[in-house]
Amino acid sequence: MSYVGSTAASTVANPPNRVTQGLMSQSNYNESTSISNGGSLWTYNSSNLTTDLVVANFFSDGHTLGMRNGDILIANTYSTESSTGQIVIIGTIVGLSTSGASMSSEGFISSTATAAGGG
């Protein structure tokens, strides 16, 4: 599934949201794209697969939104094509360029959810 960012029609746009800019965020935002200088926390909810978020430049408007390498992303997404297995993943933004950003494919944390109910 494709990313529908901030430049999409308002009825379908679903960009990530910055929750906090973090400690020393002003210098992070204006001066550096180094991994060690990220500091913001982002959330993202979609029916995309976890494997989609790690594709290079997945967040095609990441630079414009203010994402920086080293920012933390918490995403509520899916683990299978059939939109089952909804999970939460926590990872780091990497590969930031004017073409976009993505979540690191190494070292992200995921937690599978189970359906409530049952007997």
C-alpha atoms as a PDB file:
ATOM      1  CA  MET A   1       0.000   0.000   0.000  1.00  0.00           C
ATOM      2  CA  SER A   2       1.306   3.444  -0.874  1.00  0.00           C
ATOM      3  CA  TYR A   3       1.946   6.194   1.622  1.00  0.00           C
ATOM      4  CA  VAL A   4      -0.589   9.016   1.507  1.00  0.00           C
ATOM      5  CA  GLY A   5       1.222  12.030   2.885  1.00  0.00           C
ATOM      6  CA  SER A   6       0.483  15.653   3.574  1.00  0.00           C
ATOM      7  CA  THR A   7       0.313  16.564  -0.125  1.00  0.00           C
ATOM      8  CA  ALA A   8      -2.595  14.196  -0.807  1.00  0.00           C
ATOM      9  CA  ALA A   9      -6.203  15.312  -0.898  1.00  0.00           C
ATOM     10  CA  SER A  10      -7.435  16.252   2.565  1.00  0.00           C
ATOM     11  CA  THR A  11      -9.904  13.370   2.577  1.00  0.00           C
ATOM     12  CA  VAL A  12      -7.155  10.751   2.296  1.00  0.00           C
ATOM     13  CA  ALA A  13      -4.021  12.439   3.682  1.00  0.00           C
ATOM     14  CA  ASN A  14      -2.449  10.478   6.523  1.00  0.00           C
ATOM     15  CA  PRO A  15       0.976  11.868   7.408  1.00  0.00           C
ATOM     16  CA  PRO A  16       2.758  10.996  10.656  1.00  0.00           C
ATOM     17  CA  ASN A  17       2.224  13.418  13.534  1.00  0.00           C
ATOM     18  CA  ARG A  18       4.948  14.945  15.660  1.00  0.00           C
ATOM     19  CA  VAL A  19       4.056  14.434  19.331  1.00  0.00           C
ATOM     20  CA  THR A  20       7.024  16.246  20.821  1.00  0.00           C
ATOM     21  CA  GLN A  21      10.119  17.945  19.516  1.00  0.00           C
ATOM     22  CA  GLY A  22      12.274  16.603  22.323  1.00  0.00           C
ATOM     23  CA  LEU A  23      15.174  18.023  24.240  1.00  0.00           C
ATOM     24  CA  MET A  24      17.258  20.547  22.266  1.00  0.00           C
ATOM     25  CA  SER A  25      14.777  20.270  19.411  1.00  0.00           C
ATOM     26  CA  GLN A  26      15.443  23.715  17.972  1.00  0.00           C
ATOM     27  CA  SER A  27      19.078  22.933  17.213  1.00  0.00           C
ATOM     28  CA  ASN A  28      18.138  19.462  15.981  1.00  0.00           C
ATOM     29  CA  TYR A  29      15.498  20.792  13.641  1.00  0.00           C
ATOM     30  CA  ASN A  30      17.572  23.585  12.119  1.00  0.00           C
ATOM     31  CA  GLU A  31      21.154  22.391  12.131  1.00  0.00           C
ATOM     32  CA  SER A  32      21.634  18.684  11.610  1.00  0.00           C
ATOM     33  CA  THR A  33      20.382  15.486  10.042  1.00  0.00           C
ATOM     34  CA  SER A  34      22.845  13.310  11.956  1.00  0.00           C
ATOM     35  CA  ILE A  35      21.502  10.139  13.608  1.00  0.00           C
ATOM     36  CA  SER A  36      22.652  11.385  16.994  1.00  0.00           C
ATOM     37  CA  ASN A  37      20.753  14.644  16.650  1.00  0.00           C
ATOM     38  CA  GLY A  38      17.192  13.407  16.289  1.00  0.00           C
ATOM     39  CA  GLY A  39      14.954  14.049  19.233  1.00  0.00           C
ATOM     40  CA  SER A  40      11.351  14.267  18.131  1.00  0.00           C
ATOM     41  CA  LEU A  41       8.681  11.659  18.737  1.00  0.00           C
ATOM     42  CA  TRP A  42       6.271  10.832  15.914  1.00  0.00           C
ATOM     43  CA  THR A  43       3.146   8.661  15.682  1.00  0.00           C
ATOM     44  CA  TYR A  44       1.704   7.036  12.581  1.00  0.00           C
ATOM     45  CA  ASN A  45      -1.467   4.961  12.185  1.00  0.00           C
ATOM     46  CA  SER A  46      -2.238   3.153   8.951  1.00  0.00           C
ATOM     47  CA  SER A  47      -3.119  -0.098   7.274  1.00  0.00           C
ATOM     48  CA  ASN A  48       0.373  -0.243   5.756  1.00  0.00           C
ATOM     49  CA  LEU A  49       2.499  -3.264   6.477  1.00  0.00           C
ATOM     50  CA  THR A  50       5.430  -3.045   8.843  1.00  0.00           C
ATOM     51  CA  THR A  51       7.628  -3.909   5.848  1.00  0.00           C
ATOM     52  CA  ASP A  52       6.343  -0.828   3.989  1.00  0.00           C
ATOM     53  CA  LEU A  53       7.640   1.597   6.612  1.00  0.00           C
ATOM     54  CA  VAL A  54      11.252   0.466   6.162  1.00  0.00           C
ATOM     55  CA  VAL A  55      11.334   1.016   2.381  1.00  0.00           C
ATOM     56  CA  ALA A  56      13.653   3.897   1.438  1.00  0.00           C
ATOM     57  CA  ASN A  57      11.835   7.244   1.316  1.00  0.00           C
ATOM     58  CA  PHE A  58       8.516   5.702   2.417  1.00  0.00           C
ATOM     59  CA  PHE A  59       7.572   8.970   4.125  1.00  0.00           C
ATOM     60  CA  SER A  60       8.035  10.981   0.930  1.00  0.00           C
ATOM     61  CA  ASP A  61       7.296  14.264   2.713  1.00  0.00           C
ATOM     62  CA  GLY A  62       9.337  13.410   5.840  1.00  0.00           C
ATOM     63  CA  HIS A  63      11.854  16.206   5.283  1.00  0.00           C
ATOM     64  CA  THR A  64       9.085  18.750   4.728  1.00  0.00           C
ATOM     65  CA  LEU A  65       7.251  17.571   7.855  1.00  0.00           C
ATOM     66  CA  GLY A  66      10.416  18.103   9.911  1.00  0.00           C
ATOM     67  CA  MET A  67      11.538  14.517  10.438  1.00  0.00           C
ATOM     68  CA  ARG A  68      15.211  14.085  11.306  1.00  0.00           C
ATOM     69  CA  ASN A  69      17.497  11.061  11.424  1.00  0.00           C
ATOM     70  CA  GLY A  70      17.329   9.639  14.917  1.00  0.00           C
ATOM     71  CA  ASP A  71      13.732  10.713  15.591  1.00  0.00           C
ATOM     72  CA  ILE A  72      11.572   8.013  17.179  1.00  0.00           C
ATOM     73  CA  LEU A  73       8.473   6.704  15.373  1.00  0.00           C
ATOM     74  CA  ILE A  74       5.669   4.757  17.055  1.00  0.00           C
ATOM     75  CA  ALA A  75       3.383   3.207  14.451  1.00  0.00           C
ATOM     76  CA  ASN A  76       0.143   1.276  14.722  1.00  0.00           C
ATOM     77  CA  THR A  77       0.124  -0.821  11.572  1.00  0.00           C
ATOM     78  CA  TYR A  78      -0.455  -4.334  10.194  1.00  0.00           C
ATOM     79  CA  SER A  79       1.786  -7.355   9.853  1.00  0.00           C
ATOM     80  CA  THR A  80       0.009  -9.086   6.938  1.00  0.00           C
ATOM     81  CA  GLU A  81      -1.604  -8.134   3.627  1.00  0.00           C
ATOM     82  CA  SER A  82      -5.027  -9.211   4.859  1.00  0.00           C
ATOM     83  CA  SER A  83      -5.083  -6.374   7.421  1.00  0.00           C
ATOM     84  CA  THR A  84      -4.911  -8.805  10.303  1.00  0.00           C
ATOM     85  CA  GLY A  85      -2.266  -8.942  12.955  1.00  0.00           C
ATOM     86  CA  GLN A  86      -2.418  -5.296  13.933  1.00  0.00           C
ATOM     87  CA  ILE A  87       0.750  -4.413  15.830  1.00  0.00           C
ATOM     88  CA  VAL A  88       2.622  -1.477  17.306  1.00  0.00           C
ATOM     89  CA  ILE A  89       6.211  -0.898  16.240  1.00  0.00           C
ATOM     90  CA  ILE A  90       8.763   1.531  17.621  1.00  0.00           C
ATOM     91  CA  GLY A  91      11.769   2.480  15.556  1.00  0.00           C
ATOM     92  CA  THR A  92      14.161   5.187  14.441  1.00  0.00           C
ATOM     93  CA  ILE A  93      13.901   7.452  11.416  1.00  0.00           C
ATOM     94  CA  VAL A  94      16.843   6.957   9.025  1.00  0.00           C
ATOM     95  CA  GLY A  95      17.903   7.824   5.490  1.00  0.00           C
ATOM     96  CA  LEU A  96      16.436  11.314   5.609  1.00  0.00           C
ATOM     97  CA  SER A  97      16.808  13.302   2.401  1.00  0.00           C
ATOM     98  CA  THR A  98      14.706  15.713   0.403  1.00  0.00           C
ATOM     99  CA  SER A  99      13.240  12.578  -1.214  1.00  0.00           C
ATOM    100  CA  GLY A 100      11.842  11.284   2.072  1.00  0.00           C
ATOM    101  CA  ALA A 101      12.597   9.201   5.146  1.00  0.00           C
ATOM    102  CA  SER A 102      11.939   5.708   6.439  1.00  0.00           C
ATOM    103  CA  MET A 103      12.048   3.658   9.610  1.00  0.00           C
ATOM    104  CA  SER A 104      15.210   1.713  10.317  1.00  0.00           C
ATOM    105  CA  SER A 105      14.884  -1.928   9.313  1.00  0.00           C
ATOM    106  CA  GLU A 106      17.292  -2.903  12.074  1.00  0.00           C
ATOM    107  CA  GLY A 107      16.465  -2.856  15.722  1.00  0.00           C
ATOM    108  CA  PHE A 108      12.846  -1.823  15.703  1.00  0.00           C
ATOM    109  CA  ILE A 109      10.607  -3.164  18.445  1.00  0.00           C
ATOM    110  CA  SER A 110       7.305  -4.801  17.570  1.00  0.00           C
ATOM    111  CA  SER A 111       4.533  -6.236  19.647  1.00  0.00           C
ATOM    112  CA  THR A 112       1.812  -8.440  18.226  1.00  0.00           C
ATOM    113  CA  ALA A 113      -1.733  -8.007  19.422  1.00  0.00           C
ATOM    114  CA  THR A 114      -4.245 -10.770  19.969  1.00  0.00           C
ATOM    115  CA  ALA A 115      -7.954 -10.502  19.503  1.00  0.00           C
ATOM    116  CA  ALA A 116      -9.974  -9.856  22.620  1.00  0.00           C
ATOM    117  CA  GLY A 117     -12.695 -12.227  23.689  1.00  0.00           C
ATOM    118  CA  GLY A 118     -12.770 -15.940  23.215  1.00  0.00           C
ATOM    119  CA  GLY A 119     -14.391 -17.688  26.081  1.00  0.00           C
END
